């Protein structure tokens, strides 16, 4: 499980992607509704920390 940060509103949310699909996973923000990708690339990553 990961803690991810929305690029629009900046709020943190929990996300649990299936194993091996982190690079293609998209997450919809529960606060503002924006859909964003969870990158495994650290420069583009939205992952705050691993839970």
C-alpha atoms as a PDB file:
ATOM      1  CA  UNK A   1       0.000   0.000   0.000  1.00  0.00           C
ATOM      2  CA  UNK A   2       1.261   3.470  -0.905  1.00  0.00           C
ATOM      3  CA  UNK A   3       0.502   6.964   0.275  1.00  0.00           C
ATOM      4  CA  UNK A   4       0.162   9.124  -2.856  1.00  0.00           C
ATOM      5  CA  UNK A   5      -0.212  12.882  -3.262  1.00  0.00           C
ATOM      6  CA  UNK A   6      -2.631  14.498  -5.705  1.00  0.00           C
ATOM      7  CA  UNK A   7      -0.861  16.999  -8.016  1.00  0.00           C
ATOM      8  CA  UNK A   8      -3.880  19.347  -8.114  1.00  0.00           C
ATOM      9  CA  UNK A   9      -5.119  19.630  -4.513  1.00  0.00           C
ATOM     10  CA  UNK A  10      -2.032  18.280  -2.715  1.00  0.00           C
ATOM     11  CA  UNK A  11      -3.911  15.929  -0.388  1.00  0.00           C
ATOM     12  CA  UNK A  12      -2.505  12.511   0.527  1.00  0.00           C
ATOM     13  CA  UNK A  13      -4.472   9.316  -0.154  1.00  0.00           C
ATOM     14  CA  UNK A  14      -3.948   5.600   0.229  1.00  0.00           C
ATOM     15  CA  UNK A  15      -3.563   3.424  -2.860  1.00  0.00           C
ATOM     16  CA  UNK A  16      -2.953  -0.293  -3.154  1.00  0.00           C
ATOM     17  CA  UNK A  17      -2.124  -1.258  -6.758  1.00  0.00           C
ATOM     18  CA  UNK A  18      -1.807  -4.880  -7.794  1.00  0.00           C
ATOM     19  CA  UNK A  19       1.769  -6.222  -7.807  1.00  0.00           C
ATOM     20  CA  UNK A  20       3.769  -5.316 -10.906  1.00  0.00           C
ATOM     21  CA  UNK A  21       1.329  -2.669 -12.156  1.00  0.00           C
ATOM     22  CA  UNK A  22       2.655   0.445 -10.425  1.00  0.00           C
ATOM     23  CA  UNK A  23       3.930   1.951 -13.683  1.00  0.00           C
ATOM     24  CA  UNK A  24       0.543   1.741 -15.430  1.00  0.00           C
ATOM     25  CA  UNK A  25      -1.730   2.470 -12.461  1.00  0.00           C
ATOM     26  CA  UNK A  26      -3.950   5.556 -12.446  1.00  0.00           C
ATOM     27  CA  UNK A  27      -5.634   6.945  -9.358  1.00  0.00           C
ATOM     28  CA  UNK A  28      -8.666   9.205  -9.097  1.00  0.00           C
ATOM     29  CA  UNK A  29      -8.468  11.778  -6.322  1.00  0.00           C
ATOM     30  CA  UNK A  30     -11.318  11.368  -3.835  1.00  0.00           C
ATOM     31  CA  UNK A  31     -11.215  15.094  -2.995  1.00  0.00           C
ATOM     32  CA  UNK A  32     -11.024  16.944  -6.341  1.00  0.00           C
ATOM     33  CA  UNK A  33     -11.760  14.156  -8.874  1.00  0.00           C
ATOM     34  CA  UNK A  34      -8.586  14.496 -10.943  1.00  0.00           C
ATOM     35  CA  UNK A  35      -7.121  11.295 -12.395  1.00  0.00           C
ATOM     36  CA  UNK A  36      -3.339  11.029 -12.209  1.00  0.00           C
ATOM     37  CA  UNK A  37      -0.704   8.379 -12.829  1.00  0.00           C
ATOM     38  CA  UNK A  38       1.388   6.774 -10.119  1.00  0.00           C
ATOM     39  CA  UNK A  39       4.854   6.652 -11.658  1.00  0.00           C
ATOM     40  CA  UNK A  40       7.617   4.353 -10.537  1.00  0.00           C
ATOM     41  CA  UNK A  41      10.079   6.958 -11.884  1.00  0.00           C
ATOM     42  CA  UNK A  42      11.214   8.954  -8.834  1.00  0.00           C
ATOM     43  CA  UNK A  43      11.295  12.290 -10.701  1.00  0.00           C
ATOM     44  CA  UNK A  44       7.622  11.979 -11.756  1.00  0.00           C
ATOM     45  CA  UNK A  45       6.478   9.919  -8.798  1.00  0.00           C
ATOM     46  CA  UNK A  46       3.392  10.808  -6.787  1.00  0.00           C
ATOM     47  CA  UNK A  47       4.307   8.274  -4.097  1.00  0.00           C
ATOM     48  CA  UNK A  48       4.912   9.940  -0.740  1.00  0.00           C
ATOM     49  CA  UNK A  49       5.806   6.759   1.179  1.00  0.00           C
ATOM     50  CA  UNK A  50       5.135   3.054   1.390  1.00  0.00           C
ATOM     51  CA  UNK A  51       2.765   1.913   4.127  1.00  0.00           C
END
